[in-house]
Amino acid sequence: MKTHNFKSHWVGLSPEEKKLLAEKAETSVAYLSQVANKHRNAGWKTIRKLVQVDERITYDFFEQSAA
C-alpha cells in the first residue's frame, strides 16, 4: 500500500517498527508521533534521516514549509 503522507505511513507501522524508525533516525517515538499528528514540524535534518533510513518515506510526505 502506497502512503501519501507521513501520518498515514506512521499509523500503518507497528509499535516495534515505530521504535526502530525512531532509533534509526536518531530521534524519539514521541517526537515522530507529534510530527505525524502535526503538533510539531520536522526539521530538515530529521526529514533527511527519515528518507534515508526508510525507503517508503519520501520528501513529499512533508509540507514544503518544514523543509
PDB file of N, CA and C in Angstrom:
ATOM      1  N   MET A   1       0.839  -1.184   0.000  1.00  0.00           N
ATOM      2  CA  MET A   1       0.000   0.000   0.000  1.00  0.00           C
ATOM      3  C   MET A   1       0.880   1.242   0.000  1.00  0.00           C
ATOM      4  N   LYS A   2       0.653   2.118  -0.942  1.00  0.00           N
ATOM      5  CA  LYS A   2       1.427   3.353  -1.023  1.00  0.00           C
ATOM      6  C   LYS A   2       0.758   4.422  -0.172  1.00  0.00           C
ATOM      7  N   THR A   3       1.554   5.059   0.662  1.00  0.00           N
ATOM      8  CA  THR A   3       1.026   6.132   1.501  1.00  0.00           C
ATOM      9  C   THR A   3       1.413   7.470   0.895  1.00  0.00           C
ATOM     10  N   HIS A   4       0.668   8.496   1.231  1.00  0.00           N
ATOM     11  CA  HIS A   4       0.888   9.795   0.617  1.00  0.00           C
ATOM     12  C   HIS A   4       1.366  10.853   1.593  1.00  0.00           C
ATOM     13  N   ASN A   5       1.411  10.541   2.866  1.00  0.00           N
ATOM     14  CA  ASN A   5       1.925  11.494   3.837  1.00  0.00           C
ATOM     15  C   ASN A   5       2.506  10.735   5.026  1.00  0.00           C
ATOM     16  N   PHE A   6       3.215  11.473   5.852  1.00  0.00           N
ATOM     17  CA  PHE A   6       3.893  10.820   6.967  1.00  0.00           C
ATOM     18  C   PHE A   6       2.905  10.231   7.968  1.00  0.00           C
ATOM     19  N   LYS A   7       1.791  10.908   8.212  1.00  0.00           N
ATOM     20  CA  LYS A   7       0.825  10.390   9.187  1.00  0.00           C
ATOM     21  C   LYS A   7       0.278   9.031   8.763  1.00  0.00           C
ATOM     22  N   SER A   8      -0.124   8.890   7.507  1.00  0.00           N
ATOM     23  CA  SER A   8      -0.672   7.607   7.073  1.00  0.00           C
ATOM     24  C   SER A   8       0.393   6.511   7.141  1.00  0.00           C
ATOM     25  N   HIS A   9       1.636   6.874   6.863  1.00  0.00           N
ATOM     26  CA  HIS A   9       2.728   5.902   6.984  1.00  0.00           C
ATOM     27  C   HIS A   9       2.926   5.526   8.453  1.00  0.00           C
ATOM     28  N   TRP A  10       2.961   6.523   9.320  1.00  0.00           N
ATOM     29  CA  TRP A  10       3.193   6.317  10.755  1.00  0.00           C
ATOM     30  C   TRP A  10       2.105   5.430  11.360  1.00  0.00           C
ATOM     31  N   VAL A  11       0.857   5.719  11.030  1.00  0.00           N
ATOM     32  CA  VAL A  11      -0.266   4.946  11.577  1.00  0.00           C
ATOM     33  C   VAL A  11      -0.185   3.477  11.159  1.00  0.00           C
ATOM     34  N   GLY A  12       0.367   3.214   9.989  1.00  0.00           N
ATOM     35  CA  GLY A  12       0.475   1.846   9.492  1.00  0.00           C
ATOM     36  C   GLY A  12       1.612   1.042  10.088  1.00  0.00           C
ATOM     37  N   LEU A  13       2.464   1.679  10.870  1.00  0.00           N
ATOM     38  CA  LEU A  13       3.592   0.971  11.481  1.00  0.00           C
ATOM     39  C   LEU A  13       3.195   0.335  12.809  1.00  0.00           C
ATOM     40  N   SER A  14       3.803  -0.796  13.102  1.00  0.00           N
ATOM     41  CA  SER A  14       3.604  -1.434  14.408  1.00  0.00           C
ATOM     42  C   SER A  14       4.419  -0.666  15.443  1.00  0.00           C
ATOM     43  N   PRO A  15       4.126  -0.852  16.719  1.00  0.00           N
ATOM     44  CA  PRO A  15       4.929  -0.186  17.754  1.00  0.00           C
ATOM     45  C   PRO A  15       6.426  -0.499  17.631  1.00  0.00           C
ATOM     46  N   GLU A  16       6.752  -1.723  17.269  1.00  0.00           N
ATOM     47  CA  GLU A  16       8.154  -2.100  17.110  1.00  0.00           C
ATOM     48  C   GLU A  16       8.788  -1.369  15.931  1.00  0.00           C
ATOM     49  N   GLU A  17       8.037  -1.239  14.829  1.00  0.00           N
ATOM     50  CA  GLU A  17       8.542  -0.524  13.658  1.00  0.00           C
ATOM     51  C   GLU A  17       8.725   0.966  13.960  1.00  0.00           C
ATOM     52  N   LYS A  18       7.822   1.534  14.733  1.00  0.00           N
ATOM     53  CA  LYS A  18       7.942   2.944  15.122  1.00  0.00           C
ATOM     54  C   LYS A  18       9.209   3.161  15.943  1.00  0.00           C
ATOM     55  N   LYS A  19       9.456   2.267  16.884  1.00  0.00           N
ATOM     56  CA  LYS A  19      10.646   2.371  17.729  1.00  0.00           C
ATOM     57  C   LYS A  19      11.909   2.242  16.887  1.00  0.00           C
ATOM     58  N   LEU A  20      11.929   1.295  15.971  1.00  0.00           N
ATOM     59  CA  LEU A  20      13.092   1.089  15.113  1.00  0.00           C
ATOM     60  C   LEU A  20      13.331   2.297  14.213  1.00  0.00           C
ATOM     61  N   LEU A  21      12.264   2.847  13.635  1.00  0.00           N
ATOM     62  CA  LEU A  21      12.393   4.030  12.790  1.00  0.00           C
ATOM     63  C   LEU A  21      12.961   5.195  13.590  1.00  0.00           C
ATOM     64  N   ALA A  22      12.442   5.408  14.778  1.00  0.00           N
ATOM     65  CA  ALA A  22      12.930   6.498  15.625  1.00  0.00           C
ATOM     66  C   ALA A  22      14.409   6.303  15.963  1.00  0.00           C
ATOM     67  N   GLU A  23      14.793   5.093  16.299  1.00  0.00           N
ATOM     68  CA  GLU A  23      16.195   4.826  16.624  1.00  0.00           C
ATOM     69  C   GLU A  23      17.101   5.086  15.421  1.00  0.00           C
ATOM     70  N   LYS A  24      16.690   4.610  14.258  1.00  0.00           N
ATOM     71  CA  LYS A  24      17.500   4.806  13.050  1.00  0.00           C
ATOM     72  C   LYS A  24      17.606   6.279  12.672  1.00  0.00           C
ATOM     73  N   ALA A  25      16.561   7.040  12.926  1.00  0.00           N
ATOM     74  CA  ALA A  25      16.554   8.474  12.595  1.00  0.00           C
ATOM     75  C   ALA A  25      17.123   9.317  13.730  1.00  0.00           C
ATOM     76  N   GLU A  26      17.574   8.650  14.782  1.00  0.00           N
ATOM     77  CA  GLU A  26      18.183   9.317  15.938  1.00  0.00           C
ATOM     78  C   GLU A  26      17.246  10.338  16.584  1.00  0.00           C
ATOM     79  N   THR A  27      16.017   9.905  16.803  1.00  0.00           N
ATOM     80  CA  THR A  27      15.024  10.737  17.464  1.00  0.00           C
ATOM     81  C   THR A  27      14.136   9.822  18.314  1.00  0.00           C
ATOM     82  N   SER A  28      13.024  10.336  18.808  1.00  0.00           N
ATOM     83  CA  SER A  28      12.157   9.529  19.674  1.00  0.00           C
ATOM     84  C   SER A  28      10.825   9.225  19.003  1.00  0.00           C
ATOM     85  N   VAL A  29      10.183   8.185  19.486  1.00  0.00           N
ATOM     86  CA  VAL A  29       8.848   7.829  19.013  1.00  0.00           C
ATOM     87  C   VAL A  29       7.880   8.975  19.326  1.00  0.00           C
ATOM     88  N   ALA A  30       8.017   9.579  20.497  1.00  0.00           N
ATOM     89  CA  ALA A  30       7.123  10.680  20.883  1.00  0.00           C
ATOM     90  C   ALA A  30       7.243  11.849  19.910  1.00  0.00           C
ATOM     91  N   TYR A  31       8.466  12.201  19.530  1.00  0.00           N
ATOM     92  CA  TYR A  31       8.672  13.305  18.596  1.00  0.00           C
ATOM     93  C   TYR A  31       8.057  12.977  17.234  1.00  0.00           C
ATOM     94  N   LEU A  32       8.299  11.771  16.732  1.00  0.00           N
ATOM     95  CA  LEU A  32       7.748  11.393  15.428  1.00  0.00           C
ATOM     96  C   LEU A  32       6.224  11.340  15.476  1.00  0.00           C
ATOM     97  N   SER A  33       5.657  10.958  16.604  1.00  0.00           N
ATOM     98  CA  SER A  33       4.204  10.973  16.758  1.00  0.00           C
ATOM     99  C   SER A  33       3.678  12.403  16.675  1.00  0.00           C
ATOM    100  N   GLN A  34       4.389  13.328  17.293  1.00  0.00           N
ATOM    101  CA  GLN A  34       3.983  14.736  17.222  1.00  0.00           C
ATOM    102  C   GLN A  34       4.080  15.263  15.792  1.00  0.00           C
ATOM    103  N   VAL A  35       5.102  14.860  15.070  1.00  0.00           N
ATOM    104  CA  VAL A  35       5.249  15.264  13.665  1.00  0.00           C
ATOM    105  C   VAL A  35       4.102  14.683  12.842  1.00  0.00           C
ATOM    106  N   ALA A  36       3.809  13.411  13.049  1.00  0.00           N
ATOM    107  CA  ALA A  36       2.748  12.752  12.287  1.00  0.00           C
ATOM    108  C   ALA A  36       1.391  13.406  12.521  1.00  0.00           C
ATOM    109  N   ASN A  37       1.164  13.858  13.736  1.00  0.00           N
ATOM    110  CA  ASN A  37      -0.118  14.467  14.089  1.00  0.00           C
ATOM    111  C   ASN A  37      -0.128  15.987  13.943  1.00  0.00           C
ATOM    112  N   LYS A  38       0.938  16.510  13.332  1.00  0.00           N
ATOM    113  CA  LYS A  38       1.075  17.934  13.012  1.00  0.00           C
ATOM    114  C   LYS A  38       1.091  18.849  14.236  1.00  0.00           C
ATOM    115  N   HIS A  39       1.567  18.300  15.360  1.00  0.00           N
ATOM    116  CA  HIS A  39       1.753  19.130  16.548  1.00  0.00           C
ATOM    117  C   HIS A  39       3.144  19.772  16.537  1.00  0.00           C
ATOM    118  N   ARG A  40       4.030  19.207  15.700  1.00  0.00           N
ATOM    119  CA  ARG A  40       5.385  19.741  15.514  1.00  0.00           C
ATOM    120  C   ARG A  40       5.732  19.599  14.040  1.00  0.00           C
ATOM    121  N   ASN A  41       6.656  20.416  13.585  1.00  0.00           N
ATOM    122  CA  ASN A  41       7.191  20.289  12.233  1.00  0.00           C
ATOM    123  C   ASN A  41       8.585  19.690  12.324  1.00  0.00           C
ATOM    124  N   ALA A  42       8.830  18.683  11.504  1.00  0.00           N
ATOM    125  CA  ALA A  42      10.156  18.078  11.481  1.00  0.00           C
ATOM    126  C   ALA A  42      11.141  19.029  10.831  1.00  0.00           C
ATOM    127  N   GLY A  43      12.327  19.094  11.374  1.00  0.00           N
ATOM    128  CA  GLY A  43      13.383  19.897  10.774  1.00  0.00           C
ATOM    129  C   GLY A  43      13.980  19.182   9.570  1.00  0.00           C
ATOM    130  N   TRP A  44      14.718  19.936   8.783  1.00  0.00           N
ATOM    131  CA  TRP A  44      15.312  19.399   7.567  1.00  0.00           C
ATOM    132  C   TRP A  44      16.193  18.178   7.854  1.00  0.00           C
ATOM    133  N   LYS A  45      17.006  18.214   8.914  1.00  0.00           N
ATOM    134  CA  LYS A  45      17.896  17.093   9.222  1.00  0.00           C
ATOM    135  C   LYS A  45      17.106  15.836   9.569  1.00  0.00           C
ATOM    136  N   THR A  46      16.024  16.000  10.305  1.00  0.00           N
ATOM    137  CA  THR A  46      15.192  14.847  10.662  1.00  0.00           C
ATOM    138  C   THR A  46      14.516  14.274   9.436  1.00  0.00           C
ATOM    139  N   ILE A  47      13.985  15.134   8.587  1.00  0.00           N
ATOM    140  CA  ILE A  47      13.340  14.662   7.352  1.00  0.00           C
ATOM    141  C   ILE A  47      14.339  13.883   6.509  1.00  0.00           C
ATOM    142  N   ARG A  48      15.532  14.428   6.363  1.00  0.00           N
ATOM    143  CA  ARG A  48      16.558  13.760   5.559  1.00  0.00           C
ATOM    144  C   ARG A  48      16.892  12.386   6.141  1.00  0.00           C
ATOM    145  N   LYS A  49      17.018  12.289   7.457  1.00  0.00           N
ATOM    146  CA  LYS A  49      17.311  10.996   8.084  1.00  0.00           C
ATOM    147  C   LYS A  49      16.180  10.005   7.867  1.00  0.00           C
ATOM    148  N   LEU A  50      14.941  10.467   8.000  1.00  0.00           N
ATOM    149  CA  LEU A  50      13.799   9.579   7.793  1.00  0.00           C
ATOM    150  C   LEU A  50      13.780   9.023   6.377  1.00  0.00           C
ATOM    151  N   VAL A  51      14.046   9.884   5.404  1.00  0.00           N
ATOM    152  CA  VAL A  51      14.066   9.453   3.999  1.00  0.00           C
ATOM    153  C   VAL A  51      15.206   8.457   3.766  1.00  0.00           C
ATOM    154  N   GLN A  52      16.329   8.680   4.422  1.00  0.00           N
ATOM    155  CA  GLN A  52      17.485   7.796   4.244  1.00  0.00           C
ATOM    156  C   GLN A  52      17.280   6.421   4.879  1.00  0.00           C
ATOM    157  N   VAL A  53      16.605   6.370   6.009  1.00  0.00           N
ATOM    158  CA  VAL A  53      16.503   5.100   6.742  1.00  0.00           C
ATOM    159  C   VAL A  53      15.276   4.270   6.367  1.00  0.00           C
ATOM    160  N   ASP A  54      14.302   4.868   5.699  1.00  0.00           N
ATOM    161  CA  ASP A  54      13.098   4.123   5.306  1.00  0.00           C
ATOM    162  C   ASP A  54      12.742   4.482   3.865  1.00  0.00           C
ATOM    163  N   GLU A  55      12.975   3.540   2.953  1.00  0.00           N
ATOM    164  CA  GLU A  55      12.767   3.817   1.525  1.00  0.00           C
ATOM    165  C   GLU A  55      11.312   4.121   1.169  1.00  0.00           C
ATOM    166  N   ARG A  56      10.397   3.807   2.071  1.00  0.00           N
ATOM    167  CA  ARG A  56       8.975   4.110   1.813  1.00  0.00           C
ATOM    168  C   ARG A  56       8.642   5.576   2.066  1.00  0.00           C
ATOM    169  N   ILE A  57       9.503   6.278   2.797  1.00  0.00           N
ATOM    170  CA  ILE A  57       9.279   7.690   3.127  1.00  0.00           C
ATOM    171  C   ILE A  57       9.935   8.558   2.057  1.00  0.00           C
ATOM    172  N   THR A  58       9.189   9.547   1.572  1.00  0.00           N
ATOM    173  CA  THR A  58       9.739  10.480   0.587  1.00  0.00           C
ATOM    174  C   THR A  58       9.628  11.901   1.116  1.00  0.00           C
ATOM    175  N   TYR A  59      10.361  12.799   0.476  1.00  0.00           N
ATOM    176  CA  TYR A  59      10.302  14.214   0.863  1.00  0.00           C
ATOM    177  C   TYR A  59       8.892  14.766   0.684  1.00  0.00           C
ATOM    178  N   ASP A  60       8.136  14.209  -0.237  1.00  0.00           N
ATOM    179  CA  ASP A  60       6.771  14.676  -0.497  1.00  0.00           C
ATOM    180  C   ASP A  60       5.833  14.430   0.685  1.00  0.00           C
ATOM    181  N   PHE A  61       6.234  13.569   1.629  1.00  0.00           N
ATOM    182  CA  PHE A  61       5.407  13.310   2.805  1.00  0.00           C
ATOM    183  C   PHE A  61       5.296  14.528   3.709  1.00  0.00           C
ATOM    184  N   PHE A  62       6.224  15.458   3.567  1.00  0.00           N
ATOM    185  CA  PHE A  62       6.314  16.595   4.475  1.00  0.00           C
ATOM    186  C   PHE A  62       5.985  17.882   3.732  1.00  0.00           C
ATOM    187  N   GLU A  63       5.348  18.801   4.439  1.00  0.00           N
ATOM    188  CA  GLU A  63       4.987  20.076   3.838  1.00  0.00           C
ATOM    189  C   GLU A  63       6.231  20.859   3.491  1.00  0.00           C
ATOM    190  N   GLN A  64       6.178  21.632   2.441  1.00  0.00           N
ATOM    191  CA  GLN A  64       7.322  22.415   1.988  1.00  0.00           C
ATOM    192  C   GLN A  64       7.809  23.374   3.057  1.00  0.00           C
ATOM    193  N   SER A  65       6.924  23.915   3.870  1.00  0.00           N
ATOM    194  CA  SER A  65       7.332  24.881   4.897  1.00  0.00           C
ATOM    195  C   SER A  65       8.270  24.244   5.921  1.00  0.00           C
ATOM    196  N   ALA A  66       8.159  22.924   6.117  1.00  0.00           N
ATOM    197  CA  ALA A  66       9.030  22.241   7.060  1.00  0.00           C
ATOM    198  C   ALA A  66      10.405  21.996   6.457  1.00  0.00           C
ATOM    199  N   ALA A  67      10.464  21.810   5.170  1.00  0.00           N
ATOM    200  CA  ALA A  67      11.736  21.519   4.502  1.00  0.00           C
ATOM    201  C   ALA A  67      12.347  22.812   4.070  1.00  0.00           C
TER     202      ALA A  67
END
